[in-house]
Amino acid sequence: MRANILVIDDDAEIRELLVQILQRSSYQVSQVKDGAGLKEAINRLQPEIVLLDFKLPDATGLDLLPFIKKEWPESEVIMLTGHATYDVAVEAIKRGAFHFQEKPFDPESLLNLIKRALEIRSLREAVSTGNAIFQCDVMKNVVRTVRRVAPSDVSILITGESGTGKEVIADLIHSSSHRASGPLIKINCAALPRELIESELFGSVKGAFTGAHSDREGLFRQAEGGTLLLDELSEMPIDTQSKLLRVLQEKEVRPVGGRTSYKTDCRIIAATNRKPEEAIRDGKMREDLFYRISAVSVHLPPLRERREDILPLATAFLKRFSAQANRDIAGFTPEAAERLRSFDWPGNVRQLQNEVQRAVLLCEGKLVDAPDLSITAPANESTGDTSYTLLEGVERNTIVQMLKETGGNKLETAKRLGIGRQTLYNKIKAYGIET
């Protein structure tokens, strides 16, 4: 079945525009104009995605968010508003919104946002049913561990390469815990400048630094009663790591420039694509912070080390993307299946997902065939550069192929491969790829 989306907006023109955009992308769409219409639709609808306007005649989106999440806990809510403020956006996320989108919106950006919400939802379902997707013992053990530790408040460190699903595991831990009704706040520690990360984490008081024109509530405060995910922990400055360690030990946060501390109550999940022992050795992670934050460690192996999972995952993605595109595609030919199994997937599950979605769009028959795939043939069939190791050669050929497909657009190439832009630049330089 195609994904169901519910549009809640009192503006008839906006509703009609959204319906047209979504139906062109093969989504099933329902619409209501206010809170009363939502409550009337509760028992007859079960949407995967809710597009919720902030200002309605009889309620605000913030008022309706808890009600929606209670009645449809698996639905992802994207709030739309022409009256965006930082405080409202934060509160929306705290109350369970997946994202906060300003009006007027770009249709392509909105569709990408919906796609991302569906990916998170689908992968969360895949993890929660465990054995239906994961065939390798390592991932089955990961799922069992997550289910055992989720109900506790213990801090968890998730390790694994980019694209292995660390954020999905964090989502699953939060949704399976007693904090599920609280916010899940996420921060990528590599995405913020050094001078801003402490203010973002701990908050700041007016006048604490240039540009601090008012008091700022930090992420620890925003995650109160819920979960805080610290992604790419090893990219956090060492001096900030020492302050984070004190917060974990004392359960108190002091805003930048503040004189008083306040108690904090949120669960900490950290993630990193670096091996912790190497990060500690290279001075990228404090050893005492590692021991404090890794009361439980969960490692997600790369896809090339769990090839039993490749076809079950690919089949699950094929089923979902075929339904979204309203295509009747039954599976993979033996040649395509072998190519999927043999490929080393440097972008891991994220790259596999993107590859299957692309194949669904290009496939002309009832089965995805090898020519429908953009990935290179197995090494014994390939004529690629042999001056590299097997893994390096496959990775280099994949990057070259993707650069060709994107016309040399590095940002788009990194996005399709499921790796960071800087990581792509480093690999281009290391492999001597001409762009």
Protein backbone atom coordinates (compact mmCIF):
# COMPACT_ATOMS: atom_id res chain seq x y z
CA MET A 1 0.00 0.00 0.00
CA ARG A 2 1.02 3.57 -0.60
CA ALA A 3 1.81 5.69 2.45
CA ASN A 4 -1.13 7.56 3.96
CA ILE A 5 -0.72 11.25 4.75
CA LEU A 6 -3.17 13.43 6.66
CA VAL A 7 -3.20 17.18 5.98
CA ILE A 8 -4.59 19.41 8.76
CA ASP A 9 -4.90 23.04 7.64
CA ASP A 10 -7.73 25.58 7.74
CA ASP A 11 -6.62 27.20 4.46
CA ALA A 12 -8.46 25.45 1.62
CA GLU A 13 -5.93 26.60 -0.98
CA ILE A 14 -3.01 25.26 1.04
CA ARG A 15 -4.82 21.94 1.54
CA GLU A 16 -5.51 21.64 -2.18
CA LEU A 17 -1.90 22.48 -3.04
CA LEU A 18 -0.59 19.85 -0.61
CA VAL A 19 -3.04 17.24 -1.91
CA GLN A 20 -1.86 17.85 -5.48
CA ILE A 21 1.82 17.67 -4.55
CA LEU A 22 1.38 14.50 -2.52
CA GLN A 23 -0.88 12.68 -4.97
CA ARG A 24 1.58 13.36 -7.79
CA SER A 25 4.13 11.49 -5.66
CA SER A 26 1.68 8.56 -5.32
CA TYR A 27 0.74 9.16 -1.69
CA GLN A 28 -2.78 8.55 -0.40
CA VAL A 29 -4.02 11.80 1.11
CA SER A 30 -6.78 12.70 3.57
CA GLN A 31 -7.55 16.21 4.76
CA VAL A 32 -9.32 17.99 7.62
CA LYS A 33 -9.56 21.70 8.35
CA ASP A 34 -9.36 21.94 12.16
CA GLY A 35 -9.00 20.17 15.50
CA ALA A 36 -12.63 19.07 15.49
CA GLY A 37 -12.13 17.41 12.12
CA LEU A 38 -9.04 15.66 13.43
CA LYS A 39 -10.89 14.20 16.41
CA GLU A 40 -13.69 13.03 14.14
CA ALA A 41 -11.13 11.28 11.91
CA ILE A 42 -9.21 9.54 14.70
CA ASN A 43 -11.07 6.24 14.47
CA ARG A 44 -11.25 6.02 10.67
CA LEU A 45 -7.69 6.97 9.73
CA GLN A 46 -4.24 5.62 10.49
CA PRO A 47 -1.79 7.95 8.73
CA GLU A 48 1.94 7.34 8.53
CA ILE A 49 2.56 11.09 8.22
CA VAL A 50 0.58 14.06 9.56
CA LEU A 51 1.15 17.53 8.09
CA LEU A 52 -0.12 19.81 10.86
CA ASP A 53 -0.69 23.56 10.56
CA PHE A 54 0.37 25.56 13.62
CA LYS A 55 -2.56 28.00 13.68
CA LEU A 56 -6.05 26.48 13.43
CA PRO A 57 -9.42 28.08 14.21
CA ASP A 58 -10.10 25.95 17.30
CA ALA A 59 -6.61 24.94 18.48
CA THR A 60 -2.90 25.31 17.87
CA GLY A 61 -0.67 22.62 16.47
CA LEU A 62 1.13 22.50 19.81
CA ASP A 63 -2.17 21.71 21.53
CA LEU A 64 -2.96 18.90 19.10
CA LEU A 65 0.49 17.29 18.99
CA PRO A 66 0.21 15.29 22.25
CA PHE A 67 -3.27 14.12 21.23
CA ILE A 68 -2.00 12.93 17.82
CA LYS A 69 1.01 11.14 19.32
CA LYS A 70 -1.20 9.44 21.90
CA GLU A 71 -3.77 8.23 19.37
CA TRP A 72 -1.30 7.47 16.56
CA PRO A 73 2.04 6.83 18.33
CA GLU A 74 3.70 5.47 15.17
CA SER A 75 2.73 8.47 13.02
CA GLU A 76 5.35 11.12 12.28
CA VAL A 77 4.13 14.72 12.57
CA ILE A 78 5.57 17.55 10.46
CA MET A 79 4.37 20.95 11.63
CA LEU A 80 3.82 23.66 9.01
CA THR A 81 3.62 27.33 9.91
CA GLY A 82 3.99 30.81 8.57
CA HIS A 83 4.62 32.09 12.11
CA ALA A 84 7.88 30.35 12.93
CA THR A 85 9.88 31.19 16.03
CA TYR A 86 12.76 29.35 17.65
CA ASP A 87 10.79 28.75 20.87
CA VAL A 88 7.78 27.32 19.03
CA ALA A 89 10.02 25.04 16.95
CA VAL A 90 11.73 23.72 20.07
CA GLU A 91 8.42 23.14 21.82
CA ALA A 92 7.04 21.31 18.78
CA ILE A 93 10.00 18.92 18.78
CA LYS A 94 9.65 18.41 22.54
CA ARG A 95 6.01 17.45 22.08
CA GLY A 96 6.83 14.82 19.49
CA ALA A 97 7.01 16.55 16.09
CA PHE A 98 9.40 15.01 13.58
CA HIS A 99 10.21 18.39 12.06
CA PHE A 100 9.12 22.02 11.93
CA GLN A 101 8.67 23.39 8.39
CA GLU A 102 8.15 27.08 7.60
CA LYS A 103 5.64 28.37 5.04
CA PRO A 104 5.90 29.07 2.20
CA PHE A 105 7.59 25.72 1.60
CA ASP A 106 9.49 24.32 -1.34
CA PRO A 107 7.58 21.24 -2.60
CA GLU A 108 10.75 19.25 -3.26
CA SER A 109 12.11 19.99 0.22
CA LEU A 110 8.81 18.97 1.78
CA LEU A 111 8.73 15.72 -0.19
CA ASN A 112 12.32 14.97 0.89
CA LEU A 113 11.32 15.64 4.49
CA ILE A 114 8.36 13.26 4.17
CA LYS A 115 10.65 10.67 2.60
CA ARG A 116 13.07 10.97 5.52
CA ALA A 117 10.25 10.62 8.06
CA LEU A 118 9.00 7.49 6.30
CA GLU A 119 12.53 6.07 6.22
CA ILE A 120 12.96 6.54 9.95
CA ARG A 121 9.52 5.05 10.60
CA SER A 122 10.13 2.09 8.31
CA LEU A 123 13.58 1.31 9.67
CA ARG A 124 12.28 1.60 13.23
CA GLU A 125 9.60 -0.97 12.39
CA ALA A 126 12.21 -3.19 10.78
CA VAL A 127 14.41 -3.08 13.87
CA SER A 128 11.47 -3.64 16.24
CA THR A 129 10.52 -6.82 14.36
CA GLY A 130 14.18 -7.86 14.29
CA ASN A 131 14.21 -11.34 12.84
CA ALA A 132 12.06 -10.39 9.84
CA ILE A 133 14.90 -8.25 8.46
CA PHE A 134 18.07 -9.30 10.22
CA GLN A 135 19.42 -12.76 9.46
CA CYS A 136 22.91 -12.41 10.93
CA ASP A 137 23.45 -13.31 14.58
CA VAL A 138 25.23 -10.03 15.35
CA MET A 139 22.21 -7.87 14.47
CA LYS A 140 19.81 -10.24 16.21
CA ASN A 141 21.92 -9.77 19.35
CA VAL A 142 21.83 -5.98 18.86
CA VAL A 143 18.02 -6.04 18.77
CA ARG A 144 17.87 -8.25 21.87
CA THR A 145 20.26 -5.92 23.73
CA VAL A 146 18.25 -2.84 22.77
CA ARG A 147 15.01 -4.41 23.94
CA ARG A 148 16.58 -5.34 27.28
CA VAL A 149 18.21 -1.99 28.07
CA ALA A 150 15.64 0.41 26.60
CA PRO A 151 13.34 0.45 29.68
CA SER A 152 16.22 1.58 31.92
CA ASP A 153 17.85 5.03 32.15
CA VAL A 154 21.38 3.76 31.54
CA SER A 155 23.48 5.79 29.09
CA ILE A 156 24.28 4.03 25.82
CA LEU A 157 27.07 4.41 23.26
CA ILE A 158 26.26 3.33 19.69
CA THR A 159 29.22 2.78 17.38
CA GLY A 160 29.41 1.95 13.69
CA GLU A 161 30.27 3.39 10.31
CA SER A 162 28.17 6.11 8.68
CA GLY A 163 24.93 4.73 7.31
CA THR A 164 24.71 1.65 9.53
CA GLY A 165 21.58 2.89 11.30
CA LYS A 166 22.82 4.43 14.56
CA GLU A 167 20.10 7.10 14.59
CA VAL A 168 17.43 4.45 13.99
CA ILE A 169 18.69 2.45 16.97
CA ALA A 170 18.56 5.62 19.09
CA ASP A 171 14.96 6.19 17.94
CA LEU A 172 14.09 2.62 18.90
CA ILE A 173 15.68 2.92 22.35
CA HIS A 174 13.76 6.12 23.06
CA SER A 175 10.40 4.84 21.76
CA SER A 176 10.80 1.61 23.78
CA SER A 177 11.59 3.42 27.05
CA HIS A 178 9.40 4.95 29.74
CA ARG A 179 10.53 8.33 28.35
CA ALA A 180 8.80 7.72 25.01
CA SER A 181 6.21 10.43 25.71
CA GLY A 182 9.02 12.93 26.33
CA PRO A 183 11.16 14.65 23.68
CA LEU A 184 13.96 13.03 21.73
CA ILE A 185 16.44 15.82 21.03
CA LYS A 186 19.33 15.22 18.61
CA ILE A 187 22.53 17.16 18.03
CA ASN A 188 25.33 16.41 15.58
CA CYS A 189 28.46 17.43 17.47
CA ALA A 190 30.41 17.75 14.22
CA ALA A 191 27.96 20.22 12.70
CA LEU A 192 28.35 23.08 15.20
CA PRO A 193 31.27 25.51 15.50
CA ARG A 194 33.37 25.16 18.63
CA GLU A 195 32.22 28.54 19.95
CA LEU A 196 28.52 27.59 19.76
CA ILE A 197 28.36 23.99 20.90
CA GLU A 198 28.48 24.72 24.64
CA SER A 199 25.72 27.32 24.35
CA GLU A 200 23.68 24.85 22.32
CA LEU A 201 24.16 22.05 24.85
CA PHE A 202 24.08 23.85 28.17
CA GLY A 203 22.32 27.09 27.32
CA SER A 204 23.63 30.61 27.93
CA VAL A 205 22.67 33.82 29.68
CA LYS A 206 22.24 37.22 28.08
CA GLY A 207 25.59 38.91 27.50
CA ALA A 208 27.63 35.73 27.98
CA PHE A 209 29.34 36.29 24.63
CA THR A 210 29.06 38.47 21.55
CA GLY A 211 25.64 37.93 20.01
CA ALA A 212 24.02 36.55 23.17
CA HIS A 213 21.17 39.06 23.18
CA SER A 214 18.91 36.96 25.40
CA ASP A 215 18.95 33.90 27.62
CA ARG A 216 19.13 30.66 25.63
CA GLU A 217 17.69 27.34 26.74
CA GLY A 218 20.17 24.51 26.07
CA LEU A 219 19.44 21.07 24.70
CA PHE A 220 19.73 19.45 28.12
CA ARG A 221 16.85 21.65 29.26
CA GLN A 222 14.87 20.93 26.11
CA ALA A 223 15.34 17.17 26.56
CA GLU A 224 14.01 17.24 30.13
CA GLY A 225 12.06 14.04 30.80
CA GLY A 226 13.18 12.57 27.49
CA THR A 227 16.34 11.57 25.65
CA LEU A 228 19.32 13.51 24.29
CA LEU A 229 21.24 11.97 21.38
CA LEU A 230 24.82 13.23 21.02
CA ASP A 231 25.75 12.14 17.50
CA GLU A 232 29.42 12.09 16.44
CA LEU A 233 30.52 12.47 20.06
CA SER A 234 34.21 12.13 19.20
CA GLU A 235 34.00 15.38 17.18
CA MET A 236 33.06 17.36 20.29
CA PRO A 237 35.94 19.60 21.50
CA ILE A 238 37.90 18.02 24.34
CA ASP A 239 37.25 20.92 26.74
CA THR A 240 33.53 20.62 26.09
CA GLN A 241 33.80 16.88 26.74
CA SER A 242 35.17 17.64 30.21
CA LYS A 243 32.14 19.85 30.95
CA LEU A 244 29.83 17.17 29.61
CA LEU A 245 31.47 14.66 31.96
CA ARG A 246 30.69 16.90 34.94
CA VAL A 247 27.06 17.17 33.83
CA LEU A 248 26.79 13.38 33.65
CA GLN A 249 28.39 12.96 37.06
CA GLU A 250 26.51 15.70 38.91
CA LYS A 251 23.21 15.66 36.97
CA GLU A 252 23.43 19.47 36.88
CA VAL A 253 23.89 21.94 34.04
CA ARG A 254 25.24 25.48 34.28
CA PRO A 255 24.50 27.78 31.30
CA VAL A 256 27.43 29.55 29.69
CA GLY A 257 27.98 32.79 31.63
CA GLY A 258 25.56 31.69 34.37
CA ARG A 259 26.22 31.60 38.11
CA THR A 260 23.74 28.93 39.09
CA SER A 261 23.19 25.36 37.99
CA TYR A 262 19.96 23.47 37.53
CA LYS A 263 19.12 19.78 37.83
CA THR A 264 18.71 17.85 34.62
CA ASP A 265 16.76 14.68 33.97
CA CYS A 266 17.31 13.23 30.53
CA ARG A 267 18.74 10.00 29.23
CA ILE A 268 21.96 10.26 27.22
CA ILE A 269 22.60 8.26 24.06
CA ALA A 270 25.85 8.91 22.24
CA ALA A 271 26.94 7.76 18.80
CA THR A 272 30.20 7.83 16.87
CA ASN A 273 31.51 6.44 13.60
CA ARG A 274 35.03 6.28 15.08
CA LYS A 275 36.35 3.28 16.96
CA PRO A 276 36.42 4.49 20.60
CA GLU A 277 39.88 3.06 21.30
CA GLU A 278 41.28 4.91 18.28
CA ALA A 279 39.49 8.13 19.22
CA ILE A 280 40.97 7.93 22.73
CA ARG A 281 44.44 7.17 21.35
CA ASP A 282 44.24 10.08 18.91
CA GLY A 283 43.11 12.51 21.61
CA LYS A 284 39.62 12.89 20.10
CA MET A 285 37.75 11.44 23.07
CA ARG A 286 38.37 11.59 26.81
CA GLU A 287 38.85 8.13 28.25
CA ASP A 288 36.92 8.96 31.43
CA LEU A 289 33.98 10.27 29.37
CA PHE A 290 34.01 7.09 27.30
CA TYR A 291 33.73 4.90 30.39
CA ARG A 292 31.02 7.13 31.83
CA ILE A 293 28.87 7.29 28.72
CA SER A 294 29.26 3.68 27.57
CA ALA A 295 27.58 1.87 30.44
CA VAL A 296 26.10 -0.15 27.58
CA SER A 297 27.80 -0.24 24.16
CA VAL A 298 26.02 -1.28 20.98
CA HIS A 299 28.09 -1.82 17.84
CA LEU A 300 26.49 -1.89 14.40
CA PRO A 301 28.71 -3.77 11.95
CA PRO A 302 29.05 -2.51 8.37
CA LEU A 303 26.84 -4.16 5.77
CA ARG A 304 29.81 -5.87 4.10
CA GLU A 305 30.32 -7.86 7.32
CA ARG A 306 26.71 -9.09 7.46
CA ARG A 307 25.91 -10.04 3.90
CA GLU A 308 23.04 -12.28 5.07
CA ASP A 309 21.10 -9.06 5.74
CA ILE A 310 21.61 -7.45 2.33
CA LEU A 311 18.81 -9.18 0.41
CA PRO A 312 16.24 -9.09 3.25
CA LEU A 313 16.89 -5.36 3.66
CA ALA A 314 16.83 -4.77 -0.09
CA THR A 315 13.57 -6.69 -0.38
CA ALA A 316 11.99 -4.63 2.40
CA PHE A 317 13.09 -1.39 0.71
CA LEU A 318 11.86 -2.69 -2.66
CA LYS A 319 8.41 -3.40 -1.25
CA ARG A 320 8.12 0.06 0.28
CA PHE A 321 9.46 2.07 -2.65
CA SER A 322 7.43 0.05 -5.18
CA ALA A 323 4.28 0.85 -3.23
CA GLN A 324 5.18 4.53 -3.02
CA ALA A 325 5.80 4.69 -6.77
CA ASN A 326 2.68 2.61 -7.49
CA ARG A 327 4.85 0.04 -9.31
CA ASP A 328 4.29 -3.73 -9.40
CA ILE A 329 7.85 -5.00 -8.91
CA ALA A 330 8.05 -8.48 -7.42
CA GLY A 331 11.75 -8.82 -6.59
CA PHE A 332 15.27 -9.14 -8.03
CA THR A 333 16.64 -11.31 -10.82
CA PRO A 334 19.36 -13.78 -9.74
CA GLU A 335 21.97 -11.55 -11.42
CA ALA A 336 20.77 -8.44 -9.57
CA ALA A 337 20.58 -10.31 -6.28
CA GLU A 338 24.14 -11.57 -6.70
CA ARG A 339 25.38 -8.08 -7.51
CA LEU A 340 23.70 -6.72 -4.37
CA ARG A 341 25.21 -9.49 -2.23
CA SER A 342 28.69 -9.06 -3.71
CA PHE A 343 28.92 -5.29 -3.40
CA ASP A 344 30.74 -3.92 -0.34
CA TRP A 345 28.39 -0.96 0.35
CA PRO A 346 30.73 1.78 1.63
CA GLY A 347 27.62 3.83 2.50
CA ASN A 348 26.07 0.83 4.28
CA VAL A 349 22.29 0.53 4.78
CA ARG A 350 21.69 4.13 3.74
CA GLN A 351 23.41 3.54 0.40
CA LEU A 352 21.53 0.25 -0.13
CA GLN A 353 18.26 2.05 0.51
CA ASN A 354 19.09 4.79 -2.02
CA GLU A 355 20.20 2.20 -4.57
CA VAL A 356 16.95 0.24 -4.32
CA GLN A 357 14.86 3.40 -4.61
CA ARG A 358 16.77 4.37 -7.76
CA ALA A 359 16.33 0.86 -9.22
CA VAL A 360 12.57 1.00 -8.64
CA LEU A 361 12.37 4.16 -10.74
CA LEU A 362 14.51 2.74 -13.56
CA CYS A 363 13.16 -0.81 -13.68
CA GLU A 364 10.93 -1.50 -16.69
CA GLY A 365 9.87 -5.05 -15.88
CA LYS A 366 8.45 -7.06 -12.99
CA LEU A 367 11.92 -7.75 -11.56
CA VAL A 368 14.88 -5.49 -10.89
CA ASP A 369 17.73 -6.66 -13.13
CA ALA A 370 21.48 -6.05 -12.87
CA PRO A 371 21.47 -3.23 -15.49
CA ASP A 372 18.93 -1.38 -13.33
CA LEU A 373 21.58 -1.08 -10.60
CA SER A 374 24.22 1.66 -10.58
CA ILE A 375 26.66 -0.29 -8.43
CA THR A 376 29.64 -1.95 -10.08
CA ALA A 377 29.82 -5.65 -10.81
CA PRO A 378 31.62 -7.99 -8.37
CA ALA A 379 35.39 -7.65 -8.44
CA ASN A 380 36.00 -10.76 -10.56
CA GLU A 381 33.76 -9.25 -13.28
CA SER A 382 35.01 -5.68 -13.02
CA THR A 383 37.74 -4.01 -15.03
CA GLY A 384 38.32 -1.36 -12.39
CA ASP A 385 41.67 -0.07 -11.10
CA THR A 386 43.68 -2.93 -9.52
CA SER A 387 46.24 -0.80 -7.72
CA TYR A 388 44.00 -0.77 -4.64
CA THR A 389 42.86 -3.45 -2.24
CA LEU A 390 39.59 -5.19 -3.11
CA LEU A 391 37.55 -2.96 -0.76
CA GLU A 392 39.34 0.22 -1.87
CA GLY A 393 38.83 -0.63 -5.53
CA VAL A 394 35.12 -1.20 -5.07
CA GLU A 395 34.81 2.00 -3.06
CA ARG A 396 36.77 4.03 -5.64
CA ASN A 397 34.70 2.70 -8.54
CA THR A 398 31.48 3.46 -6.68
CA ILE A 399 32.52 7.07 -6.05
CA VAL A 400 33.59 7.52 -9.69
CA GLN A 401 30.27 6.09 -10.92
CA MET A 402 28.21 8.28 -8.59
CA LEU A 403 30.18 11.41 -9.57
CA LYS A 404 29.37 10.64 -13.20
CA GLU A 405 25.67 10.26 -12.42
CA THR A 406 25.54 13.56 -10.55
CA GLY A 407 27.57 15.46 -13.10
CA GLY A 408 30.37 15.96 -10.58
CA ASN A 409 28.07 17.41 -7.90
CA LYS A 410 29.95 16.44 -4.74
CA LEU A 411 27.18 17.39 -2.32
CA GLU A 412 24.66 15.23 -4.18
CA THR A 413 27.21 12.43 -4.53
CA ALA A 414 27.87 12.40 -0.78
CA LYS A 415 24.12 12.42 -0.14
CA ARG A 416 23.49 9.43 -2.43
CA LEU A 417 26.40 7.48 -0.96
CA GLY A 418 25.21 8.21 2.56
CA ILE A 419 28.51 9.75 3.69
CA GLY A 420 29.56 13.22 4.84
CA ARG A 421 30.75 15.79 2.32
CA GLN A 422 34.17 16.06 4.00
CA THR A 423 34.48 12.27 4.00
CA LEU A 424 33.84 12.30 0.24
CA TYR A 425 36.47 15.02 -0.30
CA ASN A 426 39.01 12.98 1.67
CA LYS A 427 38.30 9.84 -0.37
CA ILE A 428 38.48 11.73 -3.69
CA LYS A 429 41.90 13.04 -2.69
CA ALA A 430 43.10 9.66 -1.35
CA TYR A 431 42.06 7.78 -4.51
CA GLY A 432 43.31 10.50 -6.90
CA ILE A 433 39.90 10.80 -8.55
CA GLU A 434 39.71 13.51 -11.21
CA THR A 435 36.57 15.66 -10.85
